C-alpha atoms as a PDB file:
ATOM      1  CA  PHE A   1      38.107 -93.566   2.894  1.00  0.00           C
ATOM      2  CA  ASN A   2      38.755 -97.118   4.039  1.00  0.00           C
ATOM      3  CA  ALA A   3      40.391 -96.967   7.450  1.00  0.00           C
ATOM      4  CA  GLY A   4      39.814-100.672   8.175  1.00  0.00           C
ATOM      5  CA  ARG A   5      43.124-101.868   6.811  1.00  0.00           C
ATOM      6  CA  LYS A   6      44.837-101.436  10.168  1.00  0.00           C
ATOM      7  CA  GLY A   7      44.183 -99.859  13.517  1.00  0.00           C
ATOM      8  CA  GLU A   8      45.102 -96.196  13.745  1.00  0.00           C
ATOM      9  CA  ILE A   9      44.538 -93.101  15.841  1.00  0.00           C
ATOM     10  CA  SER A  10      43.574 -89.964  13.960  1.00  0.00           C
ATOM     11  CA  THR A  11      41.534 -86.758  14.043  1.00  0.00           C
ATOM     12  CA  VAL A  12      38.768 -85.480  11.772  1.00  0.00           C
ATOM     13  CA  GLU A  13      41.315 -83.225  10.057  1.00  0.00           C
ATOM     14  CA  GLY A  14      43.725 -86.133   9.653  1.00  0.00           C
ATOM     15  CA  ILE A  15      41.153 -88.423   8.032  1.00  0.00           C
ATOM     16  CA  ILE A  16      40.012 -85.710   5.603  1.00  0.00           C
ATOM     17  CA  SER A  17      43.620 -84.921   4.651  1.00  0.00           C
ATOM     18  CA  LYS A  18      44.475 -88.598   4.075  1.00  0.00           C
ATOM     19  CA  THR A  19      41.355 -89.060   1.966  1.00  0.00           C
ATOM     20  CA  ALA A  20      42.325 -86.133  -0.267  1.00  0.00           C
ATOM     21  CA  GLU A  21      45.901 -87.413  -0.567  1.00  0.00           C
ATOM     22  CA  SER A  22      44.727 -90.931  -1.490  1.00  0.00           C
ATOM     23  CA  LEU A  23      42.475 -89.578  -4.241  1.00  0.00           C
ATOM     24  CA  GLU A  24      45.231 -87.326  -5.606  1.00  0.00           C
ATOM     25  CA  GLN A  25      47.664 -90.243  -5.975  1.00  0.00           C
ATOM     26  CA  GLU A  26      45.615 -91.893  -8.747  1.00  0.00           C
ATOM     27  CA  GLN A  27      44.594 -88.689 -10.516  1.00  0.00           C
ATOM     28  CA  PRO A  28      47.367 -88.702 -13.173  1.00  0.00           C
ATOM     29  CA  VAL A  29      46.209 -92.136 -14.371  1.00  0.00           C
ATOM     30  CA  ARG A  30      42.516 -91.192 -14.233  1.00  0.00           C
ATOM     31  CA  LYS A  31      43.094 -88.062 -16.315  1.00  0.00           C
ATOM     32  CA  ILE A  32      44.395 -90.296 -19.118  1.00  0.00           C
ATOM     33  CA  CYS A  33      42.017 -93.265 -18.826  1.00  0.00           C
ATOM     34  CA  GLU A  34      38.857 -91.599 -17.464  1.00  0.00           C
ATOM     35  CA  PRO A  35      39.105 -87.808 -17.885  1.00  0.00           C
ATOM     36  CA  ASP A  36      35.441 -87.148 -17.032  1.00  0.00           C
ATOM     37  CA  ILE A  37      35.695 -88.990 -13.719  1.00  0.00           C
ATOM     38  CA  ALA A  38      39.019 -87.276 -12.991  1.00  0.00           C
ATOM     39  CA  VAL A  39      37.355 -83.852 -13.282  1.00  0.00           C
ATOM     40  CA  LYS A  40      34.627 -84.867 -10.815  1.00  0.00           C
ATOM     41  CA  ILE A  41      37.209 -86.218  -8.379  1.00  0.00           C
ATOM     42  CA  ASP A  42      39.233 -82.988  -8.675  1.00  0.00           C
ATOM     43  CA  ASN A  43      36.134 -81.045  -7.664  1.00  0.00           C
ATOM     44  CA  PHE A  44      35.544 -83.418  -4.749  1.00  0.00           C
ATOM     45  CA  ILE A  45      39.155 -83.037  -3.581  1.00  0.00           C
ATOM     46  CA  GLN A  46      38.755 -79.254  -3.567  1.00  0.00           C
ATOM     47  CA  LYS A  47      35.614 -79.611  -1.446  1.00  0.00           C
ATOM     48  CA  LEU A  48      37.519 -81.783   1.031  1.00  0.00           C
ATOM     49  CA  LYS A  49      40.330 -79.237   1.282  1.00  0.00           C
ATOM     50  CA  SER A  50      37.824 -76.418   1.781  1.00  0.00           C
ATOM     51  CA  LEU A  51      36.637 -78.195   4.946  1.00  0.00           C
ATOM     52  CA  LEU A  52      40.126 -77.682   6.401  1.00  0.00           C
ATOM     53  CA  ASP A  53      40.189 -73.957   5.537  1.00  0.00           C
ATOM     54  CA  ARG A  54      41.258 -71.993   8.633  1.00  0.00           C
ATOM     55  CA  SER A  55      40.578 -68.524   7.190  1.00  0.00           C
ATOM     56  CA  GLY A  56      37.109 -68.400   8.716  1.00  0.00           C
ATOM     57  CA  ASN A  57      35.265 -69.483   5.578  1.00  0.00           C
ATOM     58  CA  GLN A  58      34.708 -73.088   6.645  1.00  0.00           C
ATOM     59  CA  ARG A  59      31.382 -74.710   5.859  1.00  0.00           C
ATOM     60  CA  ASN A  60      29.473 -76.764   8.388  1.00  0.00           C
ATOM     61  CA  PHE A  61      29.538 -80.503   7.806  1.00  0.00           C
ATOM     62  CA  THR A  62      28.665 -83.756   9.548  1.00  0.00           C
ATOM     63  CA  PHE A  63      31.348 -86.438   9.906  1.00  0.00           C
ATOM     64  CA  VAL A  64      29.887 -89.972   9.990  1.00  0.00           C
ATOM     65  CA  ILE A  65      31.766 -93.109  11.066  1.00  0.00           C
ATOM     66  CA  ASP A  66      29.980 -96.308  10.018  1.00  0.00           C
ATOM     67  CA  ASP A  67      31.918 -99.211  11.527  1.00  0.00           C
ATOM     68  CA  PRO A  68      30.247-102.654  11.248  1.00  0.00           C
ATOM     69  CA  THR A  69      33.011-104.164  13.413  1.00  0.00           C
ATOM     70  CA  GLY A  70      32.085-101.940  16.357  1.00  0.00           C
ATOM     71  CA  ASN A  71      35.758-101.311  17.147  1.00  0.00           C
ATOM     72  CA  SER A  72      35.812 -97.555  16.508  1.00  0.00           C
ATOM     73  CA  PHE A  73      36.169 -95.179  19.447  1.00  0.00           C
ATOM     74  CA  VAL A  74      35.699 -91.405  19.542  1.00  0.00           C
ATOM     75  CA  GLN A  75      37.346 -89.608  22.454  1.00  0.00           C
ATOM     76  CA  ASN A  76      34.932 -87.533  24.523  1.00  0.00           C
ATOM     77  CA  ILE A  77      36.748 -84.380  25.647  1.00  0.00           C
ATOM     78  CA  LEU A  78      33.884 -83.563  28.036  1.00  0.00           C
ATOM     79  CA  ALA A  79      33.833 -86.919  29.865  1.00  0.00           C
ATOM     80  CA  PRO A  80      32.119 -87.895  32.122  1.00  0.00           C
ATOM     81  CA  LEU A  81      29.525 -85.507  30.608  1.00  0.00           C
ATOM     82  CA  GLN A  82      28.039 -86.164  27.176  1.00  0.00           C
ATOM     83  CA  ASP A  83      29.538 -84.411  24.148  1.00  0.00           C
ATOM     84  CA  PRO A  84      26.631 -82.501  22.510  1.00  0.00           C
ATOM     85  CA  LYS A  85      28.442 -82.527  19.155  1.00  0.00           C
ATOM     86  CA  CYS A  86      28.829 -86.314  19.035  1.00  0.00           C
ATOM     87  CA  LYS A  87      26.039 -88.886  18.678  1.00  0.00           C
ATOM     88  CA  SER A  88      26.394 -92.674  18.543  1.00  0.00           C
ATOM     89  CA  ARG A  89      23.926 -95.361  17.486  1.00  0.00           C
ATOM     90  CA  SER A  90      24.161 -99.147  17.528  1.00  0.00           C
ATOM     91  CA  TYR A  91      22.589-101.357  14.890  1.00  0.00           C
ATOM     92  CA  THR A  92      22.381-105.004  13.850  1.00  0.00           C
ATOM     93  CA  ARG A  93      24.820-105.975  11.102  1.00  0.00           C
ATOM     94  CA  SER A  94      23.333-106.918   7.745  1.00  0.00           C
ATOM     95  CA  ARG A  95      24.383-110.100   5.943  1.00  0.00           C
ATOM     96  CA  GLU A  96      26.495-108.034   3.546  1.00  0.00           C
ATOM     97  CA  GLN A  97      28.320-106.319   6.421  1.00  0.00           C
ATOM     98  CA  CYS A  98      29.008-109.667   8.110  1.00  0.00           C
ATOM     99  CA  GLU A  99      30.510-110.981   4.878  1.00  0.00           C
ATOM    100  CA  ILE A 100      32.643-107.846   4.421  1.00  0.00           C
ATOM    101  CA  ILE A 101      34.271-108.149   7.856  1.00  0.00           C
ATOM    102  CA  GLY A 102      34.774-111.916   7.492  1.00  0.00           C
ATOM    103  CA  LEU A 103      32.122-113.281   9.844  1.00  0.00           C
ATOM    104  CA  SER A 104      30.367-116.541   9.072  1.00  0.00           C
ATOM    105  CA  VAL A 105      26.871-115.917   7.761  1.00  0.00           C
ATOM    106  CA  PRO A 106      24.014-118.361   8.568  1.00  0.00           C
ATOM    107  CA  PRO A 107      21.851-119.670   5.713  1.00  0.00           C
ATOM    108  CA  TYR A 108      19.424-117.099   4.367  1.00  0.00           C
ATOM    109  CA  GLU A 109      16.040-117.124   6.093  1.00  0.00           C
ATOM    110  CA  GLU A 110      12.766-115.718   4.833  1.00  0.00           C
ATOM    111  CA  ASN A 111      11.733-112.419   6.433  1.00  0.00           C
ATOM    112  CA  SER A 112      15.297-111.920   7.678  1.00  0.00           C
ATOM    113  CA  ASP A 113      15.196-108.298   6.476  1.00  0.00           C
ATOM    114  CA  GLU A 114      12.051-107.657   8.505  1.00  0.00           C
ATOM    115  CA  LYS A 115      13.649-109.194  11.594  1.00  0.00           C
ATOM    116  CA  GLU A 116      16.672-106.971  11.104  1.00  0.00           C
ATOM    117  CA  LYS A 117      14.459-103.862  10.941  1.00  0.00           C
ATOM    118  CA  GLU A 118      12.658-104.937  14.125  1.00  0.00           C
ATOM    119  CA  ASN A 119      15.972-105.426  15.919  1.00  0.00           C
ATOM    120  CA  ASN A 120      17.199-101.992  14.836  1.00  0.00           C
ATOM    121  CA  GLN A 121      13.933-100.420  16.024  1.00  0.00           C
ATOM    122  CA  GLU A 122      14.371-102.081  19.418  1.00  0.00           C
ATOM    123  CA  LEU A 123      17.952-100.819  19.581  1.00  0.00           C
ATOM    124  CA  SER A 124      16.768 -97.307  18.729  1.00  0.00           C
ATOM    125  CA  GLN A 125      14.173 -97.414  21.531  1.00  0.00           C
ATOM    126  CA  ASN A 126      16.752 -98.745  23.995  1.00  0.00           C
ATOM    127  CA  GLU A 127      19.090 -95.974  22.918  1.00  0.00           C
ATOM    128  CA  LYS A 128      16.469 -93.351  23.828  1.00  0.00           C
ATOM    129  CA  GLU A 129      16.058 -94.894  27.293  1.00  0.00           C
ATOM    130  CA  THR A 130      19.848 -95.023  27.712  1.00  0.00           C
ATOM    131  CA  ASN A 131      20.155 -91.353  26.778  1.00  0.00           C
ATOM    132  CA  LYS A 132      17.558 -90.467  29.437  1.00  0.00           C
ATOM    133  CA  ASP A 133      19.477 -92.403  32.092  1.00  0.00           C
ATOM    134  CA  GLN A 134      22.757 -90.897  30.908  1.00  0.00           C
ATOM    135  CA  TYR A 135      21.299 -87.378  31.142  1.00  0.00           C
ATOM    136  CA  LYS A 136      20.184 -88.063  34.711  1.00  0.00           C
ATOM    137  CA  SER A 137      23.637 -89.341  35.683  1.00  0.00           C
ATOM    138  CA  GLU A 138      25.327 -86.349  34.017  1.00  0.00           C
ATOM    139  CA  PHE A 139      22.992 -83.985  35.868  1.00  0.00           C
ATOM    140  CA  ASN A 140      23.917 -85.630  39.158  1.00  0.00           C
ATOM    141  CA  ILE A 141      27.651 -85.483  38.420  1.00  0.00           C
ATOM    142  CA  ALA A 142      27.452 -81.818  37.426  1.00  0.00           C
ATOM    143  CA  HIS A 143      25.707 -80.924  40.716  1.00  0.00           C
ATOM    144  CA  LEU A 144      27.767 -82.899  43.211  1.00  0.00           C
ATOM    145  CA  SER A 145      28.189 -81.043  46.501  1.00  0.00           C
ATOM    146  CA  LYS A 146      31.594 -80.267  47.951  1.00  0.00           C
ATOM    147  CA  ILE A 147      31.017 -82.926  50.602  1.00  0.00           C
ATOM    148  CA  GLN A 148      30.313 -85.572  47.946  1.00  0.00           C
ATOM    149  CA  LEU A 149      33.393 -84.544  45.973  1.00  0.00           C
ATOM    150  CA  SER A 150      35.575 -84.756  49.066  1.00  0.00           C
ATOM    151  CA  THR A 151      34.136 -88.218  49.734  1.00  0.00           C
ATOM    152  CA  LEU A 152      35.022 -89.350  46.208  1.00  0.00           C
ATOM    153  CA  GLU A 153      38.502 -87.891  46.624  1.00  0.00           C
ATOM    154  CA  SER A 154      39.016 -89.769  49.882  1.00  0.00           C
ATOM    155  CA  GLN A 155      38.025 -93.029  48.164  1.00  0.00           C
ATOM    156  CA  VAL A 156      40.614 -92.403  45.457  1.00  0.00           C
ATOM    157  CA  LEU A 157      43.273 -91.654  48.059  1.00  0.00           C
ATOM    158  CA  LYS A 158      42.710 -95.118  49.550  1.00  0.00           C
ATOM    159  CA  VAL A 159      44.300 -96.543  46.406  1.00  0.00           C
ATOM    160  CA  ALA A 160      47.197 -94.082  46.192  1.00  0.00           C
ATOM    161  CA  SER A 161      48.263 -90.781  47.733  1.00  0.00           C
ATOM    162  CA  PRO A 162      49.193 -87.567  45.837  1.00  0.00           C
ATOM    163  CA  GLU A 163      52.738 -87.764  47.197  1.00  0.00           C
ATOM    164  CA  ASP A 164      53.305 -90.891  45.082  1.00  0.00           C
ATOM    165  CA  ILE A 165      52.548 -89.110  41.785  1.00  0.00           C
ATOM    166  CA  VAL A 166      55.559 -88.504  39.530  1.00  0.00           C
ATOM    167  CA  GLU A 167      55.322 -85.618  37.035  1.00  0.00           C
ATOM    168  CA  MET A 168      57.363 -85.347  33.828  1.00  0.00           C
ATOM    169  CA  VAL A 169      57.412 -82.452  31.352  1.00  0.00           C
ATOM    170  CA  LEU A 170      56.855 -83.707  27.785  1.00  0.00           C
ATOM    171  CA  PRO A 171      55.983 -81.922  24.493  1.00  0.00           C
ATOM    172  CA  CYS A 172      52.359 -82.133  23.359  1.00  0.00           C
ATOM    173  CA  SER A 173      51.696 -84.212  20.236  1.00  0.00           C
ATOM    174  CA  CYS A 174      48.746 -82.002  19.213  1.00  0.00           C
ATOM    175  CA  CYS A 175      50.201 -78.488  19.493  1.00  0.00           C
ATOM    176  CA  SER A 176      53.495 -76.614  19.871  1.00  0.00           C
ATOM    177  CA  ASN A 177      53.440 -76.625  23.663  1.00  0.00           C
ATOM    178  CA  GLN A 178      56.653 -78.073  25.104  1.00  0.00           C
ATOM    179  CA  GLN A 179      55.431 -77.994  28.706  1.00  0.00           C
ATOM    180  CA  GLY A 180      52.795 -80.726  28.773  1.00  0.00           C
ATOM    181  CA  ILE A 181      52.619 -82.789  31.964  1.00  0.00           C
ATOM    182  CA  MET A 182      52.749 -86.592  32.145  1.00  0.00           C
ATOM    183  CA  ARG A 183      51.682 -87.882  35.559  1.00  0.00           C
ATOM    184  CA  THR A 184      52.421 -91.458  36.598  1.00  0.00           C
ATOM    185  CA  ILE A 185      51.687 -93.400  39.742  1.00  0.00           C
ATOM    186  CA  THR A 186      52.054 -96.989  40.889  1.00  0.00           C
ATOM    187  CA  ALA A 187      48.981 -98.294  42.675  1.00  0.00           C
ATOM    188  CA  SER A 188      47.650-101.546  44.082  1.00  0.00           C
ATOM    189  CA  ILE A 189      43.976-102.073  43.233  1.00  0.00           C
ATOM    190  CA  PRO A 190      41.880-104.900  44.718  1.00  0.00           C
ATOM    191  CA  LEU A 191      41.489-107.895  42.371  1.00  0.00           C
ATOM    192  CA  PHE A 192      44.431-106.596  40.321  1.00  0.00           C
ATOM    193  CA  LYS A 193      48.162-106.797  40.677  1.00  0.00           C
ATOM    194  CA  GLN A 194      50.254-103.664  41.085  1.00  0.00           C
ATOM    195  CA  ILE A 195      49.662-101.392  38.089  1.00  0.00           C
ATOM    196  CA  VAL A 196      51.049 -98.148  36.678  1.00  0.00           C
ATOM    197  CA  LEU A 197      48.555 -95.381  35.867  1.00  0.00           C
ATOM    198  CA  MET A 198      49.632 -92.714  33.364  1.00  0.00           C
ATOM    199  CA  ALA A 199      47.812 -89.492  32.413  1.00  0.00           C
ATOM    200  CA  TYR A 200      48.970 -86.742  30.060  1.00  0.00           C
ATOM    201  CA  SER A 201      47.483 -83.229  29.901  1.00  0.00           C
ATOM    202  CA  CYS A 202      48.264 -80.072  27.933  1.00  0.00           C
ATOM    203  CA  GLU A 203      47.050 -76.766  29.383  1.00  0.00           C
ATOM    204  CA  GLN A 204      47.554 -74.959  26.067  1.00  0.00           C
ATOM    205  CA  CYS A 205      45.262 -76.983  23.758  1.00  0.00           C
ATOM    206  CA  GLY A 206      43.378 -79.057  26.355  1.00  0.00           C
ATOM    207  CA  TYR A 207      44.584 -82.442  25.015  1.00  0.00           C
ATOM    208  CA  ARG A 208      44.347 -85.306  27.493  1.00  0.00           C
ATOM    209  CA  ASN A 209      45.306 -88.937  27.226  1.00  0.00           C
END
């Protein structure tokens, strides 16, 4: 599924559904021109739809996003803690990937493939160190004392007070709940002009934005 045509916000279920729909659109033509391939694609479409089965017979699967542009973002519903079900890894683009996304590619150099492998190994090692530091920070956040939390709260209140927050009831875009809460506040932050902060939360499905 090529999602690079334009920016979009979606879910795992949404991407799988769109992939199945895109494959189904060309099936009538394939069944005439390439019947053998059409049969294989039909089987693949059924496998995709089985991943969305809500009857309790779902199979486990791993969803991989490979984005050479580096512009993809996966929302962490456990922030600031790490999501144990989501892993990310950075890598150096290959020449082919640079060409695909329209970047200028320098003249080919000997041993460039070996250099690329070395860079990716360094990134992998740095990633391990980052994960260690991240774990330490998450541990500290999870065990903040009440005094520390009250201190953080007082720092936030220097920017704006709770009395300035305006709440609006809006329907949730992810479930049938009609009583989601949109909170807005106008605040003045140092080095910035006056800004409007907006936060939406749904108590029914847990969606936040």
